[in-house]
Amino acid sequence: MSDTETRKALDADIEVRKRRRRRRIDRHRHAERIVEEHERHYQALCDWHLDHLQQLVQARWHARALLDRQERAPDEMMVSPPPYLLAELDAPPRSPEARQIWRHGVLAILRFRKDYDIQGPDHALGHSSVGATHRLRRSQVEVLTDQARQLINLPCDPVPLGEPLSAPDLGLP
């Protein structure tokens, strides 16, 4: 190989290496810009949290208080259920499993009554002459309370854990 050919090959190699180096530098600069942008966004988020810390703490406290009230509401209703609950779900059952199901039904009814400002003492879900969205939600709560009633009234036959489960012979190979 002649000196000219060697020099051309080296020059070409140097050019390729320069382009690769420029691309790496460009990618590195781009990555730095992205990191700086994320840091600015993160700093803005931290500043917002500091500016609103008191409201955030207060909101969490109120949310906790609401959740506590929601947990206590069915227990309070068990002690003295109002007529609309007795009409919809009957009296609170004795077994713990059935009581838990009863509590879920009570919560659904109470949420519905709160959301639609139902005050009547006799009808758990208010009167049926309402708007479409109200009717849709009402039907969902009705399905839930029907299921709760069915589950509460199911006889409780526990599966004996000591015996092996056997599937019926279907005559399959």
C-alpha atoms as a PDB file:
ATOM      1  CA  MET A   1       0.000   0.000   0.000  1.00  0.00           C
ATOM      2  CA  SER A   2       1.372   3.408  -0.912  1.00  0.00           C
ATOM      3  CA  ASP A   3       1.720   6.353   1.418  1.00  0.00           C
ATOM      4  CA  THR A   4      -1.073   8.186  -0.388  1.00  0.00           C
ATOM      5  CA  GLU A   5      -3.497   5.292   0.023  1.00  0.00           C
ATOM      6  CA  THR A   6      -2.514   4.877   3.649  1.00  0.00           C
ATOM      7  CA  ARG A   7      -2.974   8.586   4.256  1.00  0.00           C
ATOM      8  CA  LYS A   8      -6.422   8.534   2.565  1.00  0.00           C
ATOM      9  CA  ALA A   9      -7.461   5.529   4.664  1.00  0.00           C
ATOM     10  CA  LEU A  10      -6.270   7.239   7.861  1.00  0.00           C
ATOM     11  CA  ASP A  11      -8.026  10.497   6.923  1.00  0.00           C
ATOM     12  CA  ALA A  12     -11.241   8.589   6.249  1.00  0.00           C
ATOM     13  CA  ASP A  13     -10.890   6.787   9.600  1.00  0.00           C
ATOM     14  CA  ILE A  14     -10.268  10.097  11.369  1.00  0.00           C
ATOM     15  CA  GLU A  15     -13.387  11.606   9.733  1.00  0.00           C
ATOM     16  CA  VAL A  16     -15.513   8.658  10.822  1.00  0.00           C
ATOM     17  CA  ARG A  17     -14.203   8.960  14.379  1.00  0.00           C
ATOM     18  CA  LYS A  18     -14.867  12.747  14.393  1.00  0.00           C
ATOM     19  CA  ARG A  19     -18.473  12.203  13.260  1.00  0.00           C
ATOM     20  CA  ARG A  20     -19.011   9.541  15.906  1.00  0.00           C
ATOM     21  CA  ARG A  21     -17.511  11.824  18.550  1.00  0.00           C
ATOM     22  CA  ARG A  22     -19.772  14.734  17.445  1.00  0.00           C
ATOM     23  CA  ARG A  23     -22.832  12.454  17.586  1.00  0.00           C
ATOM     24  CA  ARG A  24     -21.871  11.297  21.092  1.00  0.00           C
ATOM     25  CA  ILE A  25     -21.352  14.903  22.190  1.00  0.00           C
ATOM     26  CA  ASP A  26     -24.738  15.877  20.693  1.00  0.00           C
ATOM     27  CA  ARG A  27     -26.472  12.958  22.435  1.00  0.00           C
ATOM     28  CA  HIS A  28     -24.773  13.849  25.697  1.00  0.00           C
ATOM     29  CA  ARG A  29     -25.878  17.505  25.391  1.00  0.00           C
ATOM     30  CA  HIS A  30     -29.410  16.391  24.552  1.00  0.00           C
ATOM     31  CA  ALA A  31     -29.451  14.098  27.600  1.00  0.00           C
ATOM     32  CA  GLU A  32     -28.201  16.960  29.769  1.00  0.00           C
ATOM     33  CA  ARG A  33     -31.017  19.214  28.497  1.00  0.00           C
ATOM     34  CA  ILE A  34     -33.586  16.520  29.280  1.00  0.00           C
ATOM     35  CA  VAL A  35     -32.166  16.034  32.772  1.00  0.00           C
ATOM     36  CA  GLU A  36     -32.193  19.807  33.368  1.00  0.00           C
ATOM     37  CA  GLU A  37     -35.812  19.990  32.210  1.00  0.00           C
ATOM     38  CA  HIS A  38     -36.815  17.143  34.548  1.00  0.00           C
ATOM     39  CA  GLU A  39     -34.965  18.811  37.400  1.00  0.00           C
ATOM     40  CA  ARG A  40     -36.865  22.075  36.734  1.00  0.00           C
ATOM     41  CA  HIS A  41     -40.174  20.211  36.721  1.00  0.00           C
ATOM     42  CA  TYR A  42     -39.270  18.343  39.897  1.00  0.00           C
ATOM     43  CA  GLN A  43     -38.213  21.580  41.587  1.00  0.00           C
ATOM     44  CA  ALA A  44     -41.515  23.197  40.565  1.00  0.00           C
ATOM     45  CA  LEU A  45     -43.387  20.223  42.045  1.00  0.00           C
ATOM     46  CA  CYS A  46     -41.398  20.472  45.290  1.00  0.00           C
ATOM     47  CA  ASP A  47     -42.063  24.225  45.447  1.00  0.00           C
ATOM     48  CA  TRP A  48     -45.769  23.617  44.886  1.00  0.00           C
ATOM     49  CA  HIS A  49     -45.819  21.039  47.690  1.00  0.00           C
ATOM     50  CA  LEU A  50     -44.083  23.458  50.031  1.00  0.00           C
ATOM     51  CA  ASP A  51     -46.462  26.265  49.087  1.00  0.00           C
ATOM     52  CA  HIS A  52     -49.480  24.027  49.647  1.00  0.00           C
ATOM     53  CA  LEU A  53     -48.234  21.867  52.510  1.00  0.00           C
ATOM     54  CA  GLN A  54     -50.807  23.145  54.975  1.00  0.00           C
ATOM     55  CA  GLN A  55     -53.697  22.471  52.579  1.00  0.00           C
ATOM     56  CA  LEU A  56     -52.299  19.015  51.733  1.00  0.00           C
ATOM     57  CA  VAL A  57     -52.045  18.063  55.395  1.00  0.00           C
ATOM     58  CA  GLN A  58     -55.507  19.413  56.070  1.00  0.00           C
ATOM     59  CA  ALA A  59     -56.942  17.541  53.072  1.00  0.00           C
ATOM     60  CA  ARG A  60     -55.366  14.279  54.246  1.00  0.00           C
ATOM     61  CA  TRP A  61     -56.756  14.830  57.723  1.00  0.00           C
ATOM     62  CA  HIS A  62     -60.262  15.459  56.323  1.00  0.00           C
ATOM     63  CA  ALA A  63     -59.996  12.406  54.048  1.00  0.00           C
ATOM     64  CA  ARG A  64     -59.006  10.259  57.023  1.00  0.00           C
ATOM     65  CA  ALA A  65     -61.907  11.645  59.056  1.00  0.00           C
ATOM     66  CA  LEU A  66     -64.335  10.865  56.205  1.00  0.00           C
ATOM     67  CA  LEU A  67     -63.003   7.318  55.890  1.00  0.00           C
ATOM     68  CA  ASP A  68     -63.385   6.836  59.640  1.00  0.00           C
ATOM     69  CA  ARG A  69     -66.971   8.104  59.486  1.00  0.00           C
ATOM     70  CA  GLN A  70     -67.663   5.799  56.565  1.00  0.00           C
ATOM     71  CA  GLU A  71     -66.334   2.838  58.552  1.00  0.00           C
ATOM     72  CA  ARG A  72     -68.430   3.746  61.596  1.00  0.00           C
ATOM     73  CA  ALA A  73     -71.686   4.440  59.718  1.00  0.00           C
ATOM     74  CA  PRO A  74     -72.731   0.790  59.167  1.00  0.00           C
ATOM     75  CA  ASP A  75     -71.843  -0.066  62.778  1.00  0.00           C
ATOM     76  CA  GLU A  76     -74.065   2.781  63.985  1.00  0.00           C
ATOM     77  CA  MET A  77     -76.829   1.556  61.702  1.00  0.00           C
ATOM     78  CA  MET A  78     -76.534  -1.960  63.181  1.00  0.00           C
ATOM     79  CA  VAL A  79     -77.394  -0.630  66.622  1.00  0.00           C
ATOM     80  CA  SER A  80     -80.565   1.099  65.495  1.00  0.00           C
ATOM     81  CA  PRO A  81     -81.339   0.621  61.810  1.00  0.00           C
ATOM     82  CA  PRO A  82     -83.707   3.188  60.328  1.00  0.00           C
ATOM     83  CA  PRO A  83     -86.939   1.948  58.726  1.00  0.00           C
ATOM     84  CA  TYR A  84     -85.635   2.355  55.173  1.00  0.00           C
ATOM     85  CA  LEU A  85     -82.732  -0.041  55.900  1.00  0.00           C
ATOM     86  CA  LEU A  86     -85.014  -2.545  57.579  1.00  0.00           C
ATOM     87  CA  ALA A  87     -87.295  -2.446  54.528  1.00  0.00           C
ATOM     88  CA  GLU A  88     -84.384  -2.862  52.096  1.00  0.00           C
ATOM     89  CA  LEU A  89     -81.996  -5.248  53.926  1.00  0.00           C
ATOM     90  CA  ASP A  90     -83.935  -6.513  56.951  1.00  0.00           C
ATOM     91  CA  ALA A  91     -82.397  -6.466  60.423  1.00  0.00           C
ATOM     92  CA  PRO A  92     -78.649  -6.949  60.836  1.00  0.00           C
ATOM     93  CA  PRO A  93     -77.821 -10.674  60.791  1.00  0.00           C
ATOM     94  CA  ARG A  94     -76.030 -12.493  63.588  1.00  0.00           C
ATOM     95  CA  SER A  95     -73.242 -14.307  61.772  1.00  0.00           C
ATOM     96  CA  PRO A  96     -70.064 -12.259  61.164  1.00  0.00           C
ATOM     97  CA  GLU A  97     -69.939 -13.139  57.449  1.00  0.00           C
ATOM     98  CA  ALA A  98     -73.542 -12.090  56.887  1.00  0.00           C
ATOM     99  CA  ARG A  99     -72.975  -8.914  58.924  1.00  0.00           C
ATOM    100  CA  GLN A 100     -70.083  -7.968  56.645  1.00  0.00           C
ATOM    101  CA  ILE A 101     -72.324  -8.397  53.590  1.00  0.00           C
ATOM    102  CA  TRP A 102     -75.070  -6.390  55.322  1.00  0.00           C
ATOM    103  CA  ARG A 103     -72.533  -3.607  55.997  1.00  0.00           C
ATOM    104  CA  HIS A 104     -71.640  -3.453  52.269  1.00  0.00           C
ATOM    105  CA  GLY A 105     -75.323  -3.109  51.391  1.00  0.00           C
ATOM    106  CA  VAL A 106     -75.740  -0.383  54.002  1.00  0.00           C
ATOM    107  CA  LEU A 107     -72.732   1.520  52.632  1.00  0.00           C
ATOM    108  CA  ALA A 108     -74.127   1.392  49.084  1.00  0.00           C
ATOM    109  CA  ILE A 109     -77.486   2.710  50.268  1.00  0.00           C
ATOM    110  CA  LEU A 110     -75.952   5.431  52.432  1.00  0.00           C
ATOM    111  CA  ARG A 111     -73.681   6.629  49.602  1.00  0.00           C
ATOM    112  CA  PHE A 112     -76.624   6.747  47.218  1.00  0.00           C
ATOM    113  CA  ARG A 113     -78.738   8.681  49.725  1.00  0.00           C
ATOM    114  CA  LYS A 114     -75.905  11.136  50.323  1.00  0.00           C
ATOM    115  CA  ASP A 115     -75.127  11.615  46.623  1.00  0.00           C
ATOM    116  CA  TYR A 116     -78.769  12.258  45.716  1.00  0.00           C
ATOM    117  CA  ASP A 117     -79.741  14.047  48.931  1.00  0.00           C
ATOM    118  CA  ILE A 118     -82.473  11.571  49.841  1.00  0.00           C
ATOM    119  CA  GLN A 119     -83.986  12.443  53.202  1.00  0.00           C
ATOM    120  CA  GLY A 120     -87.152  10.346  53.251  1.00  0.00           C
ATOM    121  CA  PRO A 121     -87.347   7.938  56.183  1.00  0.00           C
ATOM    122  CA  ASP A 122     -89.366   5.252  54.405  1.00  0.00           C
ATOM    123  CA  HIS A 123     -87.731   4.646  50.997  1.00  0.00           C
ATOM    124  CA  ALA A 124     -84.051   3.726  51.046  1.00  0.00           C
ATOM    125  CA  LEU A 125     -83.449   4.881  47.470  1.00  0.00           C
ATOM    126  CA  GLY A 126     -86.076   7.599  47.253  1.00  0.00           C
ATOM    127  CA  HIS A 127     -88.857   7.706  44.692  1.00  0.00           C
ATOM    128  CA  SER A 128     -88.385   5.995  41.343  1.00  0.00           C
ATOM    129  CA  SER A 129     -89.447   9.027  39.253  1.00  0.00           C
ATOM    130  CA  VAL A 130     -86.015  10.540  38.623  1.00  0.00           C
ATOM    131  CA  GLY A 131     -83.588  11.369  35.792  1.00  0.00           C
ATOM    132  CA  ALA A 132     -81.688   8.839  33.678  1.00  0.00           C
ATOM    133  CA  THR A 133     -78.325   8.991  35.492  1.00  0.00           C
ATOM    134  CA  HIS A 134     -80.063   8.820  38.845  1.00  0.00           C
ATOM    135  CA  ARG A 135     -82.091   5.819  37.590  1.00  0.00           C
ATOM    136  CA  LEU A 136     -78.942   4.060  36.332  1.00  0.00           C
ATOM    137  CA  ARG A 137     -77.139   4.468  39.634  1.00  0.00           C
ATOM    138  CA  ARG A 138     -80.292   3.513  41.523  1.00  0.00           C
ATOM    139  CA  SER A 139     -80.570   0.283  39.529  1.00  0.00           C
ATOM    140  CA  GLN A 140     -76.930  -0.524  40.342  1.00  0.00           C
ATOM    141  CA  VAL A 141     -77.599  -0.060  44.059  1.00  0.00           C
ATOM    142  CA  GLU A 142     -80.775  -2.136  43.787  1.00  0.00           C
ATOM    143  CA  VAL A 143     -78.794  -4.986  42.192  1.00  0.00           C
ATOM    144  CA  LEU A 144     -76.180  -4.744  44.937  1.00  0.00           C
ATOM    145  CA  THR A 145     -78.786  -4.795  47.726  1.00  0.00           C
ATOM    146  CA  ASP A 146     -80.622  -7.711  46.077  1.00  0.00           C
ATOM    147  CA  GLN A 147     -77.351  -9.649  45.958  1.00  0.00           C
ATOM    148  CA  ALA A 148     -76.626  -8.737  49.566  1.00  0.00           C
ATOM    149  CA  ARG A 149     -80.065  -9.999  50.654  1.00  0.00           C
ATOM    150  CA  GLN A 150     -79.546 -13.256  48.765  1.00  0.00           C
ATOM    151  CA  LEU A 151     -76.080 -13.791  50.246  1.00  0.00           C
ATOM    152  CA  ILE A 152     -77.260 -12.957  53.758  1.00  0.00           C
ATOM    153  CA  ASN A 153     -80.092 -15.465  53.518  1.00  0.00           C
ATOM    154  CA  LEU A 154     -77.995 -18.283  52.050  1.00  0.00           C
ATOM    155  CA  PRO A 155     -77.623 -21.235  54.391  1.00  0.00           C
ATOM    156  CA  CYS A 156     -74.055 -21.497  55.541  1.00  0.00           C
ATOM    157  CA  ASP A 157     -72.747 -24.997  54.795  1.00  0.00           C
ATOM    158  CA  PRO A 158     -68.997 -24.966  55.318  1.00  0.00           C
ATOM    159  CA  VAL A 159     -66.931 -27.300  53.161  1.00  0.00           C
ATOM    160  CA  PRO A 160     -65.245 -29.878  55.389  1.00  0.00           C
ATOM    161  CA  LEU A 161     -61.533 -29.254  55.088  1.00  0.00           C
ATOM    162  CA  GLY A 162     -60.514 -32.741  56.177  1.00  0.00           C
ATOM    163  CA  GLU A 163     -62.203 -34.525  53.274  1.00  0.00           C
ATOM    164  CA  PRO A 164     -60.759 -34.553  49.761  1.00  0.00           C
ATOM    165  CA  LEU A 165     -62.787 -32.771  47.099  1.00  0.00           C
ATOM    166  CA  SER A 166     -64.102 -35.077  44.424  1.00  0.00           C
ATOM    167  CA  ALA A 167     -65.328 -34.115  40.992  1.00  0.00           C
ATOM    168  CA  PRO A 168     -68.211 -36.030  39.471  1.00  0.00           C
ATOM    169  CA  ASP A 169     -67.279 -38.646  36.882  1.00  0.00           C
ATOM    170  CA  LEU A 170     -68.252 -37.193  33.531  1.00  0.00           C
ATOM    171  CA  GLY A 171     -67.086 -40.217  31.546  1.00  0.00           C
ATOM    172  CA  LEU A 172     -64.295 -38.244  29.924  1.00  0.00           C
ATOM    173  CA  PRO A 173     -61.026 -39.982  28.966  1.00  0.00           C
END
